[in-house]
Amino acid sequence: TIAGARGSIHKIGAHVQDAPACNGWTFWYYEKKTDGKPAPIDD
C-alpha cells in the first residue's frame, strides 16, 4: 500500500510512476537486515 492505494508490487509500481506497466521485482527495494543496505526484492 501507498497513499491509500493497494495492489500488487507491479500494480503499485506502475501507479506511483503513472506508467502503463512496471516490473515490481526490479523496481522495489528493501533494507537488508544484515547491514541495512538497500537491495532489490528480486534478490
PDB file of all heavy atoms in Angstrom:
ATOM      1  N   THR A   1       0.835  -1.199   0.000  1.00  0.00           N
ATOM      2  CA  THR A   1       0.000   0.000   0.000  1.00  0.00           C
ATOM      3  C   THR A   1       0.867   1.245   0.000  1.00  0.00           C
ATOM      4  O   THR A   1       1.989   1.254   0.524  1.00  0.00           O
ATOM      5  CB  THR A   1      -0.912   0.035   1.244  1.00  0.00           C
ATOM      6  OG1 THR A   1      -0.100   0.008   2.427  1.00  0.00           O
ATOM      7  CG2 THR A   1      -1.867  -1.148   1.269  1.00  0.00           C
ATOM      8  N   ILE A   2       0.299   2.309  -0.593  1.00  0.00           N
ATOM      9  CA  ILE A   2       0.955   3.609  -0.581  1.00  0.00           C
ATOM     10  C   ILE A   2      -0.110   4.676  -0.802  1.00  0.00           C
ATOM     11  O   ILE A   2      -0.887   4.593  -1.763  1.00  0.00           O
ATOM     12  CB  ILE A   2       2.068   3.709  -1.648  1.00  0.00           C
ATOM     13  CG1 ILE A   2       2.814   5.038  -1.548  1.00  0.00           C
ATOM     14  CG2 ILE A   2       1.531   3.504  -3.031  1.00  0.00           C
ATOM     15  CD1 ILE A   2       4.066   5.120  -2.413  1.00  0.00           C
ATOM     16  N   ALA A   3      -0.205   5.612   0.103  1.00  0.00           N
ATOM     17  CA  ALA A   3      -1.129   6.753  -0.014  1.00  0.00           C
ATOM     18  C   ALA A   3      -2.552   6.315  -0.358  1.00  0.00           C
ATOM     19  O   ALA A   3      -3.207   6.872  -1.241  1.00  0.00           O
ATOM     20  CB  ALA A   3      -0.616   7.739  -1.046  1.00  0.00           C
ATOM     21  N   GLY A   4      -3.033   5.262   0.310  1.00  0.00           N
ATOM     22  CA  GLY A   4      -4.396   4.798   0.096  1.00  0.00           C
ATOM     23  C   GLY A   4      -4.583   3.831  -1.055  1.00  0.00           C
ATOM     24  O   GLY A   4      -5.652   3.238  -1.204  1.00  0.00           O
ATOM     25  N   ALA A   5      -3.571   3.659  -1.868  1.00  0.00           N
ATOM     26  CA  ALA A   5      -3.662   2.702  -2.981  1.00  0.00           C
ATOM     27  C   ALA A   5      -3.097   1.357  -2.544  1.00  0.00           C
ATOM     28  O   ALA A   5      -2.090   1.286  -1.833  1.00  0.00           O
ATOM     29  CB  ALA A   5      -2.899   3.219  -4.190  1.00  0.00           C
ATOM     30  N   ARG A   6      -3.774   0.290  -2.945  1.00  0.00           N
ATOM     31  CA  ARG A   6      -3.324  -1.055  -2.574  1.00  0.00           C
ATOM     32  C   ARG A   6      -3.345  -1.949  -3.804  1.00  0.00           C
ATOM     33  O   ARG A   6      -4.239  -1.847  -4.646  1.00  0.00           O
ATOM     34  CB  ARG A   6      -4.225  -1.642  -1.490  1.00  0.00           C
ATOM     35  CG  ARG A   6      -3.801  -3.050  -1.044  1.00  0.00           C
ATOM     36  CD  ARG A   6      -4.617  -3.491   0.171  1.00  0.00           C
ATOM     37  NE  ARG A   6      -6.024  -3.698  -0.157  1.00  0.00           N
ATOM     38  CZ  ARG A   6      -6.518  -4.846  -0.648  1.00  0.00           C
ATOM     39  NH1 ARG A   6      -5.714  -5.872  -0.869  1.00  0.00           N
ATOM     40  NH2 ARG A   6      -7.806  -4.946  -0.917  1.00  0.00           N
ATOM     41  N   GLY A   7      -2.343  -2.831  -3.906  1.00  0.00           N
ATOM     42  CA  GLY A   7      -2.297  -3.771  -5.021  1.00  0.00           C
ATOM     43  C   GLY A   7      -0.999  -4.547  -5.026  1.00  0.00           C
ATOM     44  O   GLY A   7      -0.249  -4.565  -4.037  1.00  0.00           O
ATOM     45  N   SER A   8      -0.725  -5.184  -6.145  1.00  0.00           N
ATOM     46  CA  SER A   8       0.498  -5.984  -6.264  1.00  0.00           C
ATOM     47  C   SER A   8       1.713  -5.072  -6.385  1.00  0.00           C
ATOM     48  O   SER A   8       1.587  -3.859  -6.637  1.00  0.00           O
ATOM     49  CB  SER A   8       0.413  -6.881  -7.496  1.00  0.00           C
ATOM     50  OG  SER A   8       0.495  -6.093  -8.681  1.00  0.00           O
ATOM     51  N   ILE A   9       2.899  -5.667  -6.262  1.00  0.00           N
ATOM     52  CA  ILE A   9       4.127  -4.872  -6.421  1.00  0.00           C
ATOM     53  C   ILE A   9       4.211  -4.256  -7.815  1.00  0.00           C
ATOM     54  O   ILE A   9       4.757  -3.168  -7.991  1.00  0.00           O
ATOM     55  CB  ILE A   9       5.384  -5.731  -6.133  1.00  0.00           C
ATOM     56  CG1 ILE A   9       5.405  -6.997  -7.013  1.00  0.00           C
ATOM     57  CG2 ILE A   9       5.482  -6.074  -4.655  1.00  0.00           C
ATOM     58  CD1 ILE A   9       6.690  -7.795  -6.913  1.00  0.00           C
ATOM     59  N   HIS A  10       3.628  -4.942  -8.783  1.00  0.00           N
ATOM     60  CA  HIS A  10       3.663  -4.432 -10.154  1.00  0.00           C
ATOM     61  C   HIS A  10       2.649  -3.296 -10.339  1.00  0.00           C
ATOM     62  O   HIS A  10       2.970  -2.249 -10.917  1.00  0.00           O
ATOM     63  CB  HIS A  10       3.378  -5.560 -11.145  1.00  0.00           C
ATOM     64  CG  HIS A  10       4.152  -6.807 -10.876  1.00  0.00           C
ATOM     65  ND1 HIS A  10       5.526  -6.863 -10.957  1.00  0.00           N
ATOM     66  CD2 HIS A  10       3.733  -8.055 -10.501  1.00  0.00           C
ATOM     67  CE1 HIS A  10       5.939  -8.098 -10.667  1.00  0.00           C
ATOM     68  NE2 HIS A  10       4.871  -8.830 -10.383  1.00  0.00           N
ATOM     69  N   LYS A  11       1.447  -3.507  -9.826  1.00  0.00           N
ATOM     70  CA  LYS A  11       0.387  -2.510  -9.979  1.00  0.00           C
ATOM     71  C   LYS A  11       0.744  -1.207  -9.265  1.00  0.00           C
ATOM     72  O   LYS A  11       0.582  -0.112  -9.828  1.00  0.00           O
ATOM     73  CB  LYS A  11      -0.928  -3.070  -9.432  1.00  0.00           C
ATOM     74  CG  LYS A  11      -2.100  -2.108  -9.529  1.00  0.00           C
ATOM     75  CD  LYS A  11      -3.368  -2.735  -8.969  1.00  0.00           C
ATOM     76  CE  LYS A  11      -4.540  -1.742  -9.020  1.00  0.00           C
ATOM     77  NZ  LYS A  11      -5.782  -2.356  -8.471  1.00  0.00           N
ATOM     78  N   ILE A  12       1.254  -1.308  -8.042  1.00  0.00           N
ATOM     79  CA  ILE A  12       1.592  -0.103  -7.289  1.00  0.00           C
ATOM     80  C   ILE A  12       2.833   0.565  -7.870  1.00  0.00           C
ATOM     81  O   ILE A  12       2.947   1.792  -7.905  1.00  0.00           O
ATOM     82  CB  ILE A  12       1.785  -0.421  -5.799  1.00  0.00           C
ATOM     83  CG1 ILE A  12       0.470  -0.964  -5.205  1.00  0.00           C
ATOM     84  CG2 ILE A  12       2.241   0.799  -5.026  1.00  0.00           C
ATOM     85  CD1 ILE A  12      -0.706  -0.014  -5.363  1.00  0.00           C
ATOM     86  N   GLY A  13       3.776  -0.235  -8.376  1.00  0.00           N
ATOM     87  CA  GLY A  13       4.946   0.337  -9.036  1.00  0.00           C
ATOM     88  C   GLY A  13       4.556   1.170 -10.244  1.00  0.00           C
ATOM     89  O   GLY A  13       5.090   2.264 -10.474  1.00  0.00           O
ATOM     90  N   ALA A  14       3.595   0.658 -11.026  1.00  0.00           N
ATOM     91  CA  ALA A  14       3.109   1.400 -12.183  1.00  0.00           C
ATOM     92  C   ALA A  14       2.317   2.630 -11.739  1.00  0.00           C
ATOM     93  O   ALA A  14       2.431   3.711 -12.331  1.00  0.00           O
ATOM     94  CB  ALA A  14       2.241   0.494 -13.059  1.00  0.00           C
ATOM     95  N   HIS A  15       1.540   2.477 -10.667  1.00  0.00           N
ATOM     96  CA  HIS A  15       0.697   3.574 -10.165  1.00  0.00           C
ATOM     97  C   HIS A  15       1.531   4.788  -9.750  1.00  0.00           C
ATOM     98  O   HIS A  15       1.236   5.920 -10.141  1.00  0.00           O
ATOM     99  CB  HIS A  15      -0.141   3.076  -8.988  1.00  0.00           C
ATOM    100  CG  HIS A  15      -0.834   4.153  -8.224  1.00  0.00           C
ATOM    101  ND1 HIS A  15      -1.916   4.853  -8.732  1.00  0.00           N
ATOM    102  CD2 HIS A  15      -0.587   4.670  -6.984  1.00  0.00           C
ATOM    103  CE1 HIS A  15      -2.310   5.752  -7.845  1.00  0.00           C
ATOM    104  NE2 HIS A  15      -1.521   5.661  -6.770  1.00  0.00           N
ATOM    105  N   VAL A  16       2.589   4.555  -8.988  1.00  0.00           N
ATOM    106  CA  VAL A  16       3.371   5.693  -8.479  1.00  0.00           C
ATOM    107  C   VAL A  16       4.164   6.384  -9.592  1.00  0.00           C
ATOM    108  O   VAL A  16       4.516   7.562  -9.483  1.00  0.00           O
ATOM    109  CB  VAL A  16       4.325   5.257  -7.342  1.00  0.00           C
ATOM    110  CG1 VAL A  16       3.536   4.724  -6.155  1.00  0.00           C
ATOM    111  CG2 VAL A  16       5.338   4.223  -7.826  1.00  0.00           C
ATOM    112  N   GLN A  17       4.430   5.662 -10.667  1.00  0.00           N
ATOM    113  CA  GLN A  17       5.181   6.252 -11.785  1.00  0.00           C
ATOM    114  C   GLN A  17       4.255   6.792 -12.878  1.00  0.00           C
ATOM    115  O   GLN A  17       4.736   7.366 -13.851  1.00  0.00           O
ATOM    116  CB  GLN A  17       6.111   5.215 -12.411  1.00  0.00           C
ATOM    117  CG  GLN A  17       7.163   4.669 -11.482  1.00  0.00           C
ATOM    118  CD  GLN A  17       7.968   3.586 -12.170  1.00  0.00           C
ATOM    119  OE1 GLN A  17       8.967   3.875 -12.846  1.00  0.00           O
ATOM    120  NE2 GLN A  17       7.538   2.338 -12.037  1.00  0.00           N
ATOM    121  N   ASP A  18       2.927   6.572 -12.675  1.00  0.00           N
ATOM    122  CA  ASP A  18       1.959   6.924 -13.714  1.00  0.00           C
ATOM    123  C   ASP A  18       2.352   6.283 -15.035  1.00  0.00           C
ATOM    124  O   ASP A  18       2.356   6.913 -16.099  1.00  0.00           O
ATOM    125  CB  ASP A  18       1.869   8.448 -13.861  1.00  0.00           C
ATOM    126  CG  ASP A  18       0.644   8.867 -14.676  1.00  0.00           C
ATOM    127  OD1 ASP A  18      -0.316   8.093 -14.721  1.00  0.00           O
ATOM    128  OD2 ASP A  18       0.668   9.966 -15.272  1.00  0.00           O
ATOM    129  N   ALA A  19       2.705   4.990 -14.945  1.00  0.00           N
ATOM    130  CA  ALA A  19       3.164   4.221 -16.102  1.00  0.00           C
ATOM    131  C   ALA A  19       2.162   3.116 -16.420  1.00  0.00           C
ATOM    132  O   ALA A  19       1.415   2.673 -15.534  1.00  0.00           O
ATOM    133  CB  ALA A  19       4.547   3.618 -15.834  1.00  0.00           C
ATOM    134  N   PRO A  20       2.126   2.640 -17.652  1.00  0.00           N
ATOM    135  CA  PRO A  20       1.186   1.576 -18.008  1.00  0.00           C
ATOM    136  C   PRO A  20       1.531   0.232 -17.383  1.00  0.00           C
ATOM    137  O   PRO A  20       0.656  -0.617 -17.199  1.00  0.00           O
ATOM    138  CB  PRO A  20       1.276   1.514 -19.532  1.00  0.00           C
ATOM    139  CG  PRO A  20       2.605   2.089 -19.867  1.00  0.00           C
ATOM    140  CD  PRO A  20       2.868   3.140 -18.832  1.00  0.00           C
ATOM    141  N   ALA A  21       2.806   0.003 -17.075  1.00  0.00           N
ATOM    142  CA  ALA A  21       3.229  -1.277 -16.500  1.00  0.00           C
ATOM    143  C   ALA A  21       4.530  -1.075 -15.725  1.00  0.00           C
ATOM    144  O   ALA A  21       5.218  -0.068 -15.889  1.00  0.00           O
ATOM    145  CB  ALA A  21       3.424  -2.324 -17.591  1.00  0.00           C
ATOM    146  N   CYS A  22       4.832  -2.042 -14.882  1.00  0.00           N
ATOM    147  CA  CYS A  22       6.065  -1.974 -14.088  1.00  0.00           C
ATOM    148  C   CYS A  22       6.455  -3.373 -13.648  1.00  0.00           C
ATOM    149  O   CYS A  22       5.593  -4.188 -13.287  1.00  0.00           O
ATOM    150  CB  CYS A  22       5.847  -1.080 -12.859  1.00  0.00           C
ATOM    151  SG  CYS A  22       7.213  -1.102 -11.655  1.00  0.00           S
ATOM    152  N   ASN A  23       7.758  -3.666 -13.688  1.00  0.00           N
ATOM    153  CA  ASN A  23       8.268  -4.905 -13.113  1.00  0.00           C
ATOM    154  C   ASN A  23       8.610  -4.619 -11.660  1.00  0.00           C
ATOM    155  O   ASN A  23       9.667  -4.072 -11.339  1.00  0.00           O
ATOM    156  CB  ASN A  23       9.511  -5.380 -13.875  1.00  0.00           C
ATOM    157  CG  ASN A  23      10.058  -6.685 -13.337  1.00  0.00           C
ATOM    158  OD1 ASN A  23       9.650  -7.167 -12.279  1.00  0.00           O
ATOM    159  ND2 ASN A  23      10.987  -7.283 -14.061  1.00  0.00           N
ATOM    160  N   GLY A  24       7.700  -4.971 -10.777  1.00  0.00           N
ATOM    161  CA  GLY A  24       7.878  -4.669  -9.364  1.00  0.00           C
ATOM    162  C   GLY A  24       9.094  -5.321  -8.737  1.00  0.00           C
ATOM    163  O   GLY A  24       9.673  -4.789  -7.795  1.00  0.00           O
ATOM    164  N   TRP A  25       9.511  -6.462  -9.290  1.00  0.00           N
ATOM    165  CA  TRP A  25      10.657  -7.175  -8.730  1.00  0.00           C
ATOM    166  C   TRP A  25      11.942  -6.362  -8.846  1.00  0.00           C
ATOM    167  O   TRP A  25      12.805  -6.431  -7.980  1.00  0.00           O
ATOM    168  CB  TRP A  25      10.841  -8.528  -9.419  1.00  0.00           C
ATOM    169  CG  TRP A  25       9.774  -9.523  -9.093  1.00  0.00           C
ATOM    170  CD1 TRP A  25       8.772  -9.951  -9.905  1.00  0.00           C
ATOM    171  CD2 TRP A  25       9.594 -10.194  -7.849  1.00  0.00           C
ATOM    172  NE1 TRP A  25       7.980 -10.853  -9.246  1.00  0.00           N
ATOM    173  CE2 TRP A  25       8.469 -11.028  -7.989  1.00  0.00           C
ATOM    174  CE3 TRP A  25      10.275 -10.181  -6.632  1.00  0.00           C
ATOM    175  CZ2 TRP A  25       8.001 -11.834  -6.951  1.00  0.00           C
ATOM    176  CZ3 TRP A  25       9.815 -10.993  -5.597  1.00  0.00           C
ATOM    177  CH2 TRP A  25       8.694 -11.803  -5.750  1.00  0.00           C
ATOM    178  N   THR A  26      12.079  -5.600  -9.895  1.00  0.00           N
ATOM    179  CA  THR A  26      13.291  -4.785 -10.054  1.00  0.00           C
ATOM    180  C   THR A  26      13.079  -3.340  -9.615  1.00  0.00           C
ATOM    181  O   THR A  26      14.050  -2.620  -9.380  1.00  0.00           O
ATOM    182  CB  THR A  26      13.752  -4.804 -11.531  1.00  0.00           C
ATOM    183  OG1 THR A  26      12.680  -4.360 -12.372  1.00  0.00           O
ATOM    184  CG2 THR A  26      14.167  -6.210 -11.939  1.00  0.00           C
ATOM    185  N   PHE A  27      11.825  -2.908  -9.487  1.00  0.00           N
ATOM    186  CA  PHE A  27      11.545  -1.526  -9.099  1.00  0.00           C
ATOM    187  C   PHE A  27      11.680  -1.311  -7.589  1.00  0.00           C
ATOM    188  O   PHE A  27      12.226  -0.310  -7.134  1.00  0.00           O
ATOM    189  CB  PHE A  27      10.139  -1.128  -9.557  1.00  0.00           C
ATOM    190  CG  PHE A  27       9.756   0.280  -9.183  1.00  0.00           C
ATOM    191  CD1 PHE A  27      10.279   1.360  -9.870  1.00  0.00           C
ATOM    192  CD2 PHE A  27       8.871   0.517  -8.139  1.00  0.00           C
ATOM    193  CE1 PHE A  27       9.931   2.669  -9.528  1.00  0.00           C
ATOM    194  CE2 PHE A  27       8.516   1.819  -7.790  1.00  0.00           C
ATOM    195  CZ  PHE A  27       9.052   2.893  -8.484  1.00  0.00           C
ATOM    196  N   TRP A  28      11.169  -2.277  -6.811  1.00  0.00           N
ATOM    197  CA  TRP A  28      11.128  -2.103  -5.355  1.00  0.00           C
ATOM    198  C   TRP A  28      12.366  -2.664  -4.670  1.00  0.00           C
ATOM    199  O   TRP A  28      12.880  -3.719  -5.048  1.00  0.00           O
ATOM    200  CB  TRP A  28       9.886  -2.762  -4.757  1.00  0.00           C
ATOM    201  CG  TRP A  28       8.593  -2.126  -5.191  1.00  0.00           C
ATOM    202  CD1 TRP A  28       7.664  -2.653  -6.026  1.00  0.00           C
ATOM    203  CD2 TRP A  28       8.112  -0.843  -4.791  1.00  0.00           C
ATOM    204  NE1 TRP A  28       6.622  -1.788  -6.196  1.00  0.00           N
ATOM    205  CE2 TRP A  28       6.860  -0.648  -5.442  1.00  0.00           C
ATOM    206  CE3 TRP A  28       8.599   0.167  -3.970  1.00  0.00           C
ATOM    207  CZ2 TRP A  28       6.099   0.493  -5.288  1.00  0.00           C
ATOM    208  CZ3 TRP A  28       7.837   1.326  -3.808  1.00  0.00           C
ATOM    209  CH2 TRP A  28       6.611   1.483  -4.461  1.00  0.00           C
ATOM    210  N   TYR A  29      12.832  -1.959  -3.644  1.00  0.00           N
ATOM    211  CA  TYR A  29      13.993  -2.339  -2.838  1.00  0.00           C
ATOM    212  C   TYR A  29      13.576  -2.485  -1.376  1.00  0.00           C
ATOM    213  O   TYR A  29      12.507  -2.009  -0.966  1.00  0.00           O
ATOM    214  CB  TYR A  29      15.097  -1.265  -2.933  1.00  0.00           C
ATOM    215  CG  TYR A  29      15.888  -1.299  -4.220  1.00  0.00           C
ATOM    216  CD1 TYR A  29      15.288  -0.988  -5.453  1.00  0.00           C
ATOM    217  CD2 TYR A  29      17.236  -1.628  -4.220  1.00  0.00           C
ATOM    218  CE1 TYR A  29      16.016  -1.014  -6.618  1.00  0.00           C
ATOM    219  CE2 TYR A  29      17.979  -1.654  -5.395  1.00  0.00           C
ATOM    220  CZ  TYR A  29      17.357  -1.346  -6.593  1.00  0.00           C
ATOM    221  OH  TYR A  29      18.086  -1.378  -7.741  1.00  0.00           O
ATOM    222  N   TYR A  30      14.409  -3.154  -0.619  1.00  0.00           N
ATOM    223  CA  TYR A  30      14.215  -3.296   0.834  1.00  0.00           C
ATOM    224  C   TYR A  30      15.562  -3.092   1.510  1.00  0.00           C
ATOM    225  O   TYR A  30      16.610  -3.123   0.859  1.00  0.00           O
ATOM    226  CB  TYR A  30      13.632  -4.668   1.164  1.00  0.00           C
ATOM    227  CG  TYR A  30      14.647  -5.790   1.088  1.00  0.00           C
ATOM    228  CD1 TYR A  30      15.157  -6.380   2.254  1.00  0.00           C
ATOM    229  CD2 TYR A  30      15.125  -6.262  -0.143  1.00  0.00           C
ATOM    230  CE1 TYR A  30      16.109  -7.399   2.192  1.00  0.00           C
ATOM    231  CE2 TYR A  30      16.072  -7.263  -0.213  1.00  0.00           C
ATOM    232  CZ  TYR A  30      16.561  -7.833   0.959  1.00  0.00           C
ATOM    233  OH  TYR A  30      17.503  -8.827   0.893  1.00  0.00           O
ATOM    234  N   GLU A  31      15.550  -2.875   2.798  1.00  0.00           N
ATOM    235  CA  GLU A  31      16.810  -2.746   3.555  1.00  0.00           C
ATOM    236  C   GLU A  31      17.182  -4.101   4.134  1.00  0.00           C
ATOM    237  O   GLU A  31      16.382  -4.719   4.863  1.00  0.00           O
ATOM    238  CB  GLU A  31      16.672  -1.717   4.671  1.00  0.00           C
ATOM    239  CG  GLU A  31      16.695  -0.284   4.179  1.00  0.00           C
ATOM    240  CD  GLU A  31      16.766   0.716   5.325  1.00  0.00           C
ATOM    241  OE1 GLU A  31      16.709   0.283   6.503  1.00  0.00           O
ATOM    242  OE2 GLU A  31      16.872   1.923   5.045  1.00  0.00           O
ATOM    243  N   LYS A  32      18.371  -4.554   3.803  1.00  0.00           N
ATOM    244  CA  LYS A  32      18.836  -5.846   4.313  1.00  0.00           C
ATOM    245  C   LYS A  32      19.045  -5.774   5.820  1.00  0.00           C
ATOM    246  O   LYS A  32      19.600  -4.795   6.330  1.00  0.00           O
ATOM    247  CB  LYS A  32      20.137  -6.258   3.614  1.00  0.00           C
ATOM    248  CG  LYS A  32      19.963  -6.543   2.126  1.00  0.00           C
ATOM    249  CD  LYS A  32      21.200  -7.163   1.522  1.00  0.00           C
ATOM    250  CE  LYS A  32      22.345  -6.168   1.449  1.00  0.00           C
ATOM    251  NZ  LYS A  32      23.533  -6.754   0.780  1.00  0.00           N
ATOM    252  N   LYS A  33      18.602  -6.804   6.489  1.00  0.00           N
ATOM    253  CA  LYS A  33      18.718  -6.827   7.952  1.00  0.00           C
ATOM    254  C   LYS A  33      20.169  -6.989   8.407  1.00  0.00           C
ATOM    255  O   LYS A  33      20.532  -6.603   9.522  1.00  0.00           O
ATOM    256  CB  LYS A  33      17.860  -7.961   8.529  1.00  0.00           C
ATOM    257  CG  LYS A  33      16.363  -7.775   8.299  1.00  0.00           C
ATOM    258  CD  LYS A  33      15.574  -8.948   8.882  1.00  0.00           C
ATOM    259  CE  LYS A  33      14.077  -8.719   8.772  1.00  0.00           C
ATOM    260  NZ  LYS A  33      13.624  -8.627   7.374  1.00  0.00           N
ATOM    261  N   THR A  34      21.002  -7.534   7.561  1.00  0.00           N
ATOM    262  CA  THR A  34      22.394  -7.792   7.951  1.00  0.00           C
ATOM    263  C   THR A  34      23.223  -6.520   8.034  1.00  0.00           C
ATOM    264  O   THR A  34      24.012  -6.336   8.967  1.00  0.00           O
ATOM    265  CB  THR A  34      23.055  -8.754   6.941  1.00  0.00           C
ATOM    266  OG1 THR A  34      22.875  -8.229   5.616  1.00  0.00           O
ATOM    267  CG2 THR A  34      22.425 -10.139   7.039  1.00  0.00           C
ATOM    268  N   ASP A  35      23.052  -5.631   7.053  1.00  0.00           N
ATOM    269  CA  ASP A  35      23.897  -4.428   7.048  1.00  0.00           C
ATOM    270  C   ASP A  35      23.125  -3.140   6.769  1.00  0.00           C
ATOM    271  O   ASP A  35      23.715  -2.062   6.688  1.00  0.00           O
ATOM    272  CB  ASP A  35      25.018  -4.570   6.014  1.00  0.00           C
ATOM    273  CG  ASP A  35      24.493  -4.884   4.612  1.00  0.00           C
ATOM    274  OD1 ASP A  35      23.276  -4.717   4.376  1.00  0.00           O
ATOM    275  OD2 ASP A  35      25.301  -5.293   3.755  1.00  0.00           O
ATOM    276  N   GLY A  36      21.798  -3.238   6.605  1.00  0.00           N
ATOM    277  CA  GLY A  36      20.990  -2.051   6.393  1.00  0.00           C
ATOM    278  C   GLY A  36      21.108  -1.450   5.014  1.00  0.00           C
ATOM    279  O   GLY A  36      20.567  -0.376   4.744  1.00  0.00           O
ATOM    280  N   LYS A  37      21.826  -2.136   4.115  1.00  0.00           N
ATOM    281  CA  LYS A  37      21.994  -1.603   2.758  1.00  0.00           C
ATOM    282  C   LYS A  37      20.789  -1.979   1.890  1.00  0.00           C
ATOM    283  O   LYS A  37      20.159  -3.016   2.100  1.00  0.00           O
ATOM    284  CB  LYS A  37      23.277  -2.135   2.141  1.00  0.00           C
ATOM    285  CG  LYS A  37      24.541  -1.624   2.812  1.00  0.00           C
ATOM    286  CD  LYS A  37      25.784  -2.152   2.107  1.00  0.00           C
ATOM    287  CE  LYS A  37      27.050  -1.607   2.750  1.00  0.00           C
ATOM    288  NZ  LYS A  37      28.281  -2.119   2.092  1.00  0.00           N
ATOM    289  N   PRO A  38      20.451  -1.132   0.906  1.00  0.00           N
ATOM    290  CA  PRO A  38      19.311  -1.441   0.035  1.00  0.00           C
ATOM    291  C   PRO A  38      19.644  -2.558  -0.947  1.00  0.00           C
ATOM    292  O   PRO A  38      20.783  -2.695  -1.392  1.00  0.00           O
ATOM    293  CB  PRO A  38      19.054  -0.125  -0.696  1.00  0.00           C
ATOM    294  CG  PRO A  38      20.385   0.558  -0.709  1.00  0.00           C
ATOM    295  CD  PRO A  38      21.050   0.180   0.588  1.00  0.00           C
ATOM    296  N   ALA A  39      18.647  -3.353  -1.286  1.00  0.00           N
ATOM    297  CA  ALA A  39      18.798  -4.427  -2.274  1.00  0.00           C
ATOM    298  C   ALA A  39      17.449  -4.641  -2.952  1.00  0.00           C
ATOM    299  O   ALA A  39      16.395  -4.459  -2.328  1.00  0.00           O
ATOM    300  CB  ALA A  39      19.260  -5.715  -1.614  1.00  0.00           C
ATOM    301  N   PRO A  40      17.435  -5.019  -4.212  1.00  0.00           N
ATOM    302  CA  PRO A  40      16.154  -5.270  -4.892  1.00  0.00           C
ATOM    303  C   PRO A  40      15.472  -6.503  -4.334  1.00  0.00           C
ATOM    304  O   PRO A  40      16.133  -7.475  -3.943  1.00  0.00           O
ATOM    305  CB  PRO A  40      16.577  -5.475  -6.353  1.00  0.00           C
ATOM    306  CG  PRO A  40      17.999  -5.895  -6.297  1.00  0.00           C
ATOM    307  CD  PRO A  40      18.596  -5.198  -5.107  1.00  0.00           C
ATOM    308  N   ILE A  41      14.167  -6.452  -4.268  1.00  0.00           N
ATOM    309  CA  ILE A  41      13.438  -7.613  -3.741  1.00  0.00           C
ATOM    310  C   ILE A  41      13.616  -8.818  -4.650  1.00  0.00           C
ATOM    311  O   ILE A  41      13.349  -9.960  -4.237  1.00  0.00           O
ATOM    312  CB  ILE A  41      11.947  -7.297  -3.539  1.00  0.00           C
ATOM    313  CG1 ILE A  41      11.283  -6.888  -4.864  1.00  0.00           C
ATOM    314  CG2 ILE A  41      11.758  -6.213  -2.475  1.00  0.00           C
ATOM    315  CD1 ILE A  41       9.773  -6.714  -4.765  1.00  0.00           C
ATOM    316  N   ASP A  42      14.090  -8.604  -5.863  1.00  0.00           N
ATOM    317  CA  ASP A  42      14.354  -9.730  -6.765  1.00  0.00           C
ATOM    318  C   ASP A  42      15.429 -10.645  -6.182  1.00  0.00           C
ATOM    319  O   ASP A  42      15.468 -11.840  -6.484  1.00  0.00           O
ATOM    320  CB  ASP A  42      14.773  -9.212  -8.137  1.00  0.00           C
ATOM    321  CG  ASP A  42      14.558 -10.240  -9.233  1.00  0.00           C
ATOM    322  OD1 ASP A  42      13.689 -11.118  -9.066  1.00  0.00           O
ATOM    323  OD2 ASP A  42      15.243 -10.162 -10.264  1.00  0.00           O
ATOM    324  N   ASP A  43      16.319 -10.103  -5.340  1.00  0.00           N
ATOM    325  CA  ASP A  43      17.326 -10.940  -4.679  1.00  0.00           C
ATOM    326  C   ASP A  43      16.662 -11.961  -3.765  1.00  0.00           C
ATOM    327  O   ASP A  43      17.125 -13.108  -3.640  1.00  0.00           O
ATOM    328  CB  ASP A  43      18.292 -10.079  -3.863  1.00  0.00           C
ATOM    329  CG  ASP A  43      19.235  -9.266  -4.741  1.00  0.00           C
ATOM    330  OD1 ASP A  43      19.194  -9.428  -5.974  1.00  0.00           O
ATOM    331  OD2 ASP A  43      20.015  -8.464  -4.187  1.00  0.00           O
TER     332      ASP A  43
END
